């Protein structure tokens, strides 16, 4: 089966302390790894102001993960768990063609 490249961008609550944010990123990186994905890089992009209020927040920390996966199990599990996490405000998963 061919390996597919993905890019996941998610927005973390801006009021989290550094230790909490690092634990959240490690947790979601491990979810991807445990479900068969290989992480190429996982890094903070920047804190940005929103065009509209999300929850009670007007800004958030954007985090980007580039990864490869043989099937969609890791992506599906990330999607499921990020939807129920109160610390991730929004997320977007993009299948890369390059």
C-alpha atoms as a PDB file:
ATOM      1  CA  UNK A   1       0.000   0.000   0.000  1.00  0.00           C
ATOM      2  CA  UNK A   2       1.285   3.467  -0.840  1.00  0.00           C
ATOM      3  CA  UNK A   3       2.295   5.849   1.906  1.00  0.00           C
ATOM      4  CA  UNK A   4       0.280   9.072   2.006  1.00  0.00           C
ATOM      5  CA  UNK A   5       1.556  12.433   3.256  1.00  0.00           C
ATOM      6  CA  UNK A   6      -0.653  14.546   5.503  1.00  0.00           C
ATOM      7  CA  UNK A   7      -0.465  17.954   7.140  1.00  0.00           C
ATOM      8  CA  UNK A   8      -2.458  18.570  10.307  1.00  0.00           C
ATOM      9  CA  UNK A   9      -2.909  22.107  11.592  1.00  0.00           C
ATOM     10  CA  UNK A  10      -4.583  22.587  14.930  1.00  0.00           C
ATOM     11  CA  UNK A  11      -5.223  25.573  17.190  1.00  0.00           C
ATOM     12  CA  UNK A  12      -4.390  25.292  20.884  1.00  0.00           C
ATOM     13  CA  UNK A  13      -6.055  27.440  23.563  1.00  0.00           C
ATOM     14  CA  UNK A  14      -3.857  30.529  24.167  1.00  0.00           C
ATOM     15  CA  UNK A  15      -4.239  30.439  27.967  1.00  0.00           C
ATOM     16  CA  UNK A  16      -2.478  27.090  28.439  1.00  0.00           C
ATOM     17  CA  UNK A  17       0.849  27.159  30.264  1.00  0.00           C
ATOM     18  CA  UNK A  18       3.935  25.855  28.455  1.00  0.00           C
ATOM     19  CA  UNK A  19       3.980  22.536  30.352  1.00  0.00           C
ATOM     20  CA  UNK A  20       0.329  21.872  29.549  1.00  0.00           C
ATOM     21  CA  UNK A  21       0.819  22.774  25.908  1.00  0.00           C
ATOM     22  CA  UNK A  22       3.886  20.516  25.633  1.00  0.00           C
ATOM     23  CA  UNK A  23       1.943  17.636  27.222  1.00  0.00           C
ATOM     24  CA  UNK A  24      -0.963  18.157  24.800  1.00  0.00           C
ATOM     25  CA  UNK A  25       1.349  18.167  21.765  1.00  0.00           C
ATOM     26  CA  UNK A  26       3.158  15.054  23.009  1.00  0.00           C
ATOM     27  CA  UNK A  27      -0.181  13.291  23.636  1.00  0.00           C
ATOM     28  CA  UNK A  28      -1.469  13.953  20.119  1.00  0.00           C
ATOM     29  CA  UNK A  29       1.879  13.131  18.497  1.00  0.00           C
ATOM     30  CA  UNK A  30       1.818   9.788  20.366  1.00  0.00           C
ATOM     31  CA  UNK A  31      -1.757   9.122  19.213  1.00  0.00           C
ATOM     32  CA  UNK A  32      -0.567   9.467  15.621  1.00  0.00           C
ATOM     33  CA  UNK A  33       2.514   7.259  16.186  1.00  0.00           C
ATOM     34  CA  UNK A  34       0.577   4.542  18.039  1.00  0.00           C
ATOM     35  CA  UNK A  35      -1.847   4.272  15.127  1.00  0.00           C
ATOM     36  CA  UNK A  36       0.854   3.744  12.498  1.00  0.00           C
ATOM     37  CA  UNK A  37       1.851   7.238  11.370  1.00  0.00           C
ATOM     38  CA  UNK A  38       5.420   8.488  11.010  1.00  0.00           C
ATOM     39  CA  UNK A  39       5.834  12.104  12.092  1.00  0.00           C
ATOM     40  CA  UNK A  40       8.168  14.133   9.879  1.00  0.00           C
ATOM     41  CA  UNK A  41       7.955  17.275  12.025  1.00  0.00           C
ATOM     42  CA  UNK A  42       5.722  18.745  14.712  1.00  0.00           C
ATOM     43  CA  UNK A  43       6.176  22.426  15.481  1.00  0.00           C
ATOM     44  CA  UNK A  44       4.425  25.568  16.658  1.00  0.00           C
ATOM     45  CA  UNK A  45       3.728  28.027  13.904  1.00  0.00           C
ATOM     46  CA  UNK A  46       2.696  31.158  15.796  1.00  0.00           C
ATOM     47  CA  UNK A  47       0.044  32.757  17.970  1.00  0.00           C
ATOM     48  CA  UNK A  48      -2.502  34.465  15.732  1.00  0.00           C
ATOM     49  CA  UNK A  49      -5.576  36.595  16.193  1.00  0.00           C
ATOM     50  CA  UNK A  50      -8.839  35.091  14.893  1.00  0.00           C
ATOM     51  CA  UNK A  51     -11.196  36.763  12.437  1.00  0.00           C
ATOM     52  CA  UNK A  52     -14.048  35.845  14.801  1.00  0.00           C
ATOM     53  CA  UNK A  53     -14.404  34.534  18.350  1.00  0.00           C
ATOM     54  CA  UNK A  54     -13.988  30.764  18.759  1.00  0.00           C
ATOM     55  CA  UNK A  55     -15.493  29.740  22.079  1.00  0.00           C
ATOM     56  CA  UNK A  56     -14.427  32.636  24.270  1.00  0.00           C
ATOM     57  CA  UNK A  57     -11.039  33.117  22.579  1.00  0.00           C
ATOM     58  CA  UNK A  58      -9.924  35.790  20.113  1.00  0.00           C
ATOM     59  CA  UNK A  59      -6.498  34.206  19.444  1.00  0.00           C
ATOM     60  CA  UNK A  60      -4.799  30.827  19.544  1.00  0.00           C
ATOM     61  CA  UNK A  61      -1.499  29.010  19.069  1.00  0.00           C
ATOM     62  CA  UNK A  62      -1.275  27.283  15.692  1.00  0.00           C
ATOM     63  CA  UNK A  63       0.609  23.963  15.633  1.00  0.00           C
ATOM     64  CA  UNK A  64       1.539  22.084  12.438  1.00  0.00           C
ATOM     65  CA  UNK A  65       2.301  18.358  12.105  1.00  0.00           C
ATOM     66  CA  UNK A  66       3.617  16.825   8.874  1.00  0.00           C
ATOM     67  CA  UNK A  67       3.366  13.051   8.730  1.00  0.00           C
ATOM     68  CA  UNK A  68       3.105   9.969   6.547  1.00  0.00           C
ATOM     69  CA  UNK A  69       0.731   7.049   7.029  1.00  0.00           C
ATOM     70  CA  UNK A  70      -0.035   3.811   5.195  1.00  0.00           C
ATOM     71  CA  UNK A  71      -3.739   3.950   6.054  1.00  0.00           C
ATOM     72  CA  UNK A  72      -6.177   6.406   7.594  1.00  0.00           C
ATOM     73  CA  UNK A  73      -6.294   4.858  11.094  1.00  0.00           C
ATOM     74  CA  UNK A  74      -3.995   7.470  12.660  1.00  0.00           C
ATOM     75  CA  UNK A  75      -5.794  10.339  10.941  1.00  0.00           C
ATOM     76  CA  UNK A  76      -9.216   9.063  11.974  1.00  0.00           C
ATOM     77  CA  UNK A  77      -8.158   8.618  15.606  1.00  0.00           C
ATOM     78  CA  UNK A  78      -6.573  12.097  15.706  1.00  0.00           C
ATOM     79  CA  UNK A  79      -9.740  13.584  14.206  1.00  0.00           C
ATOM     80  CA  UNK A  80     -11.976  11.796  16.713  1.00  0.00           C
ATOM     81  CA  UNK A  81      -9.962  12.734  19.805  1.00  0.00           C
ATOM     82  CA  UNK A  82      -9.267  16.341  18.775  1.00  0.00           C
ATOM     83  CA  UNK A  83     -13.004  16.951  18.407  1.00  0.00           C
ATOM     84  CA  UNK A  84     -13.601  16.026  22.051  1.00  0.00           C
ATOM     85  CA  UNK A  85     -10.523  17.787  23.462  1.00  0.00           C
ATOM     86  CA  UNK A  86     -11.310  21.097  25.129  1.00  0.00           C
ATOM     87  CA  UNK A  87      -7.735  22.266  24.556  1.00  0.00           C
ATOM     88  CA  UNK A  88      -7.883  22.123  20.740  1.00  0.00           C
ATOM     89  CA  UNK A  89     -10.164  24.833  19.388  1.00  0.00           C
ATOM     90  CA  UNK A  90     -10.074  23.806  15.702  1.00  0.00           C
ATOM     91  CA  UNK A  91      -8.150  21.409  13.490  1.00  0.00           C
ATOM     92  CA  UNK A  92      -7.692  20.781   9.783  1.00  0.00           C
ATOM     93  CA  UNK A  93      -6.268  17.695   8.069  1.00  0.00           C
ATOM     94  CA  UNK A  94      -4.913  18.041   4.539  1.00  0.00           C
ATOM     95  CA  UNK A  95      -3.737  15.229   2.279  1.00  0.00           C
ATOM     96  CA  UNK A  96      -0.504  16.348   0.604  1.00  0.00           C
ATOM     97  CA  UNK A  97       0.215  15.548  -3.027  1.00  0.00           C
ATOM     98  CA  UNK A  98       3.973  16.240  -3.025  1.00  0.00           C
END
